[in-house]
C-alpha cells in the first residue's frame, strides 16, 4: 500500500514513465497504482500515448532528450 495521494501520484507519472524516480518513490507509485484503479487507468493511457509518440518519431529523435523534453513539457502543464 502507498501513502501517496492520487494527486501526488499523477504528478509523478511522467517521471515514472521516464524511469526518473528513485527506488523508494517508484515503489510508492507502484503501490498506489496497484491499489487505485482510476490512477492505474490514467497511467495506462499516459503510457500508451507516450509509447505512440516515441514510436512515431523519426529515428534521430529517439533518444532520452526527446523523451525528457516531452516529459518536462507535460509536467509543466500539471503545475
N, C-alpha and C. Protein backbone atom coordinates (compact mmCIF):
# COMPACT_ATOMS: atom_id res chain seq x y z
N UNK A 1 0.84 -1.18 0.00
CA UNK A 1 0.00 0.00 0.00
C UNK A 1 0.89 1.25 0.00
N UNK A 2 0.44 2.28 -0.68
CA UNK A 2 1.20 3.51 -0.82
C UNK A 2 0.59 4.62 0.02
N UNK A 3 1.43 5.53 0.47
CA UNK A 3 0.94 6.71 1.19
C UNK A 3 0.69 7.88 0.25
N UNK A 4 0.96 7.71 -1.04
CA UNK A 4 0.76 8.78 -2.00
C UNK A 4 -0.73 8.98 -2.27
N UNK A 5 -1.13 10.24 -2.41
CA UNK A 5 -2.50 10.55 -2.82
C UNK A 5 -2.59 10.40 -4.34
N UNK A 6 -3.81 10.44 -4.84
CA UNK A 6 -4.00 10.40 -6.29
C UNK A 6 -3.30 11.58 -6.95
N UNK A 7 -3.44 12.76 -6.36
CA UNK A 7 -2.82 13.96 -6.93
C UNK A 7 -1.30 13.81 -6.99
N UNK A 8 -0.69 13.35 -5.91
CA UNK A 8 0.77 13.16 -5.88
C UNK A 8 1.20 12.13 -6.91
N UNK A 9 0.44 11.06 -7.02
CA UNK A 9 0.77 10.01 -7.98
C UNK A 9 0.71 10.54 -9.40
N UNK A 10 -0.35 11.28 -9.72
CA UNK A 10 -0.48 11.84 -11.07
C UNK A 10 0.67 12.79 -11.40
N UNK A 11 1.15 13.52 -10.42
CA UNK A 11 2.26 14.44 -10.65
C UNK A 11 3.58 13.69 -10.90
N UNK A 12 3.66 12.46 -10.47
CA UNK A 12 4.89 11.68 -10.63
C UNK A 12 4.85 10.72 -11.82
N UNK A 13 3.71 10.65 -12.50
CA UNK A 13 3.55 9.67 -13.59
C UNK A 13 4.58 9.85 -14.69
N UNK A 14 4.88 11.08 -15.08
CA UNK A 14 5.81 11.28 -16.20
C UNK A 14 7.24 10.91 -15.81
N UNK A 15 7.61 11.20 -14.58
CA UNK A 15 8.92 10.77 -14.11
C UNK A 15 8.96 9.25 -13.99
N UNK A 16 7.85 8.67 -13.60
CA UNK A 16 7.75 7.21 -13.51
C UNK A 16 7.91 6.59 -14.89
N UNK A 17 7.22 7.15 -15.86
CA UNK A 17 7.32 6.64 -17.24
C UNK A 17 8.74 6.78 -17.79
N UNK A 18 9.43 7.84 -17.40
CA UNK A 18 10.79 8.08 -17.87
C UNK A 18 11.84 7.41 -17.02
N UNK A 19 11.42 6.60 -16.07
CA UNK A 19 12.33 5.90 -15.16
C UNK A 19 13.27 6.87 -14.47
N UNK A 20 12.71 8.00 -14.00
CA UNK A 20 13.49 9.06 -13.38
C UNK A 20 13.34 9.09 -11.85
N UNK A 21 12.56 8.19 -11.29
CA UNK A 21 12.31 8.20 -9.84
C UNK A 21 13.30 7.30 -9.12
N UNK A 22 13.62 7.69 -7.88
CA UNK A 22 14.46 6.80 -7.09
C UNK A 22 13.61 5.59 -6.68
N UNK A 23 14.28 4.56 -6.19
CA UNK A 23 13.62 3.27 -5.92
C UNK A 23 12.46 3.40 -4.92
N UNK A 24 12.64 4.23 -3.89
CA UNK A 24 11.61 4.38 -2.86
C UNK A 24 10.34 5.01 -3.43
N UNK A 25 10.49 6.09 -4.19
CA UNK A 25 9.33 6.77 -4.76
C UNK A 25 8.67 5.90 -5.82
N UNK A 26 9.49 5.20 -6.62
CA UNK A 26 8.94 4.28 -7.62
C UNK A 26 8.08 3.22 -6.95
N UNK A 27 8.54 2.71 -5.83
CA UNK A 27 7.79 1.70 -5.09
C UNK A 27 6.47 2.29 -4.58
N UNK A 28 6.50 3.54 -4.12
CA UNK A 28 5.27 4.19 -3.66
C UNK A 28 4.27 4.36 -4.80
N UNK A 29 4.76 4.78 -5.97
CA UNK A 29 3.88 4.92 -7.13
C UNK A 29 3.33 3.56 -7.52
N UNK A 30 4.20 2.54 -7.56
CA UNK A 30 3.75 1.17 -7.86
C UNK A 30 2.62 0.76 -6.92
N UNK A 31 2.80 1.03 -5.63
CA UNK A 31 1.80 0.67 -4.64
C UNK A 31 0.49 1.38 -4.86
N UNK A 32 0.56 2.66 -5.18
CA UNK A 32 -0.67 3.41 -5.43
C UNK A 32 -1.37 2.89 -6.68
N UNK A 33 -0.62 2.68 -7.74
CA UNK A 33 -1.22 2.19 -8.98
C UNK A 33 -1.84 0.81 -8.80
N UNK A 34 -1.26 0.01 -7.93
CA UNK A 34 -1.80 -1.33 -7.67
C UNK A 34 -3.11 -1.27 -6.89
N UNK A 35 -3.30 -0.19 -6.12
CA UNK A 35 -4.49 -0.13 -5.27
C UNK A 35 -5.55 0.85 -5.76
N UNK A 36 -5.26 1.64 -6.78
CA UNK A 36 -6.21 2.65 -7.25
C UNK A 36 -6.49 2.43 -8.75
N UNK A 37 -7.64 1.91 -9.05
CA UNK A 37 -7.98 1.61 -10.44
C UNK A 37 -8.08 2.86 -11.31
N UNK A 38 -8.54 3.97 -10.75
CA UNK A 38 -8.65 5.20 -11.52
C UNK A 38 -7.27 5.70 -11.94
N UNK A 39 -6.34 5.75 -11.00
CA UNK A 39 -4.97 6.18 -11.33
C UNK A 39 -4.30 5.19 -12.27
N UNK A 40 -4.55 3.92 -12.09
CA UNK A 40 -3.97 2.89 -12.98
C UNK A 40 -4.46 3.08 -14.41
N UNK A 41 -5.75 3.37 -14.55
CA UNK A 41 -6.31 3.60 -15.89
C UNK A 41 -5.69 4.84 -16.53
N UNK A 42 -5.53 5.91 -15.75
CA UNK A 42 -4.91 7.12 -16.28
C UNK A 42 -3.44 6.88 -16.62
N UNK A 43 -2.75 6.13 -15.78
CA UNK A 43 -1.35 5.78 -16.06
C UNK A 43 -1.26 4.99 -17.36
N UNK A 44 -2.13 4.00 -17.53
CA UNK A 44 -2.12 3.19 -18.75
C UNK A 44 -2.33 4.05 -19.99
N UNK A 45 -3.22 5.03 -19.90
CA UNK A 45 -3.46 5.94 -21.01
C UNK A 45 -2.21 6.77 -21.31
N UNK A 46 -1.60 7.33 -20.27
CA UNK A 46 -0.38 8.13 -20.46
C UNK A 46 0.76 7.29 -21.04
N UNK A 47 0.88 6.05 -20.57
CA UNK A 47 1.91 5.16 -21.10
C UNK A 47 1.67 4.87 -22.58
N UNK A 48 0.43 4.64 -22.94
CA UNK A 48 0.08 4.37 -24.34
C UNK A 48 0.40 5.57 -25.21
N UNK A 49 0.00 6.76 -24.76
CA UNK A 49 0.28 7.99 -25.53
C UNK A 49 1.78 8.20 -25.66
N UNK A 50 2.50 8.03 -24.58
CA UNK A 50 3.95 8.20 -24.59
C UNK A 50 4.60 7.23 -25.58
N UNK A 51 4.17 5.99 -25.54
CA UNK A 51 4.72 4.99 -26.46
C UNK A 51 4.40 5.33 -27.91
N UNK A 52 3.19 5.82 -28.18
CA UNK A 52 2.82 6.20 -29.54
C UNK A 52 3.67 7.37 -30.04
N UNK A 53 3.90 8.35 -29.18
CA UNK A 53 4.73 9.49 -29.57
C UNK A 53 6.15 9.04 -29.86
N UNK A 54 6.70 8.25 -28.97
CA UNK A 54 8.07 7.77 -29.16
C UNK A 54 8.19 6.90 -30.41
N UNK A 55 7.24 6.01 -30.62
CA UNK A 55 7.29 5.11 -31.77
C UNK A 55 7.03 5.82 -33.10
N UNK A 56 6.34 6.96 -33.06
CA UNK A 56 6.04 7.67 -34.30
C UNK A 56 7.12 8.68 -34.67
N UNK A 57 8.06 8.91 -33.76
CA UNK A 57 9.12 9.87 -34.05
C UNK A 57 10.14 9.25 -34.99
N UNK A 58 10.86 10.12 -35.67
CA UNK A 58 11.91 9.61 -36.56
C UNK A 58 13.04 9.02 -35.72
N UNK A 59 13.82 8.19 -36.29
CA UNK A 59 14.92 7.53 -35.59
C UNK A 59 15.88 8.50 -34.93
N UNK A 60 16.11 9.66 -35.53
CA UNK A 60 17.04 10.61 -34.95
C UNK A 60 16.47 11.27 -33.69
N UNK A 61 15.15 11.25 -33.55
CA UNK A 61 14.52 11.85 -32.37
C UNK A 61 14.42 10.88 -31.21
N UNK A 62 14.68 9.62 -31.45
CA UNK A 62 14.51 8.60 -30.42
C UNK A 62 15.71 8.55 -29.50
N UNK A 63 15.70 9.43 -28.54
CA UNK A 63 16.76 9.43 -27.54
C UNK A 63 16.19 9.96 -26.24
N UNK A 64 16.97 9.90 -25.20
CA UNK A 64 16.46 10.31 -23.89
C UNK A 64 16.12 11.79 -23.86
N UNK A 65 16.82 12.62 -24.61
CA UNK A 65 16.49 14.05 -24.64
C UNK A 65 15.09 14.28 -25.18
N UNK A 66 14.72 13.53 -26.19
CA UNK A 66 13.40 13.64 -26.77
C UNK A 66 12.33 13.31 -25.73
N UNK A 67 12.49 12.19 -25.05
CA UNK A 67 11.51 11.81 -24.03
C UNK A 67 11.51 12.81 -22.89
N UNK A 68 12.68 13.26 -22.46
CA UNK A 68 12.78 14.22 -21.36
C UNK A 68 12.11 15.54 -21.69
N UNK A 69 12.23 16.01 -22.93
CA UNK A 69 11.57 17.25 -23.33
C UNK A 69 10.05 17.10 -23.25
N UNK A 70 9.55 15.97 -23.72
CA UNK A 70 8.11 15.72 -23.67
C UNK A 70 7.68 15.62 -22.21
N UNK A 71 8.41 14.88 -21.44
CA UNK A 71 8.10 14.68 -20.02
C UNK A 71 8.08 16.02 -19.29
N UNK A 72 9.07 16.87 -19.50
CA UNK A 72 9.13 18.18 -18.86
C UNK A 72 7.96 19.05 -19.27
N UNK A 73 7.64 19.03 -20.53
CA UNK A 73 6.52 19.82 -21.03
C UNK A 73 5.21 19.37 -20.39
N UNK A 74 5.00 18.08 -20.31
CA UNK A 74 3.78 17.57 -19.71
C UNK A 74 3.72 17.86 -18.22
N UNK A 75 4.84 17.75 -17.53
CA UNK A 75 4.88 18.06 -16.09
C UNK A 75 4.54 19.53 -15.86
N UNK A 76 5.05 20.42 -16.71
CA UNK A 76 4.77 21.85 -16.52
C UNK A 76 3.29 22.14 -16.72
N UNK A 77 2.62 21.37 -17.54
CA UNK A 77 1.17 21.53 -17.73
C UNK A 77 0.42 21.20 -16.44
N UNK A 78 0.95 20.33 -15.62
CA UNK A 78 0.30 19.95 -14.36
C UNK A 78 0.43 21.03 -13.30
N UNK A 79 1.46 21.85 -13.41
CA UNK A 79 1.70 22.90 -12.41
C UNK A 79 0.81 24.07 -12.61
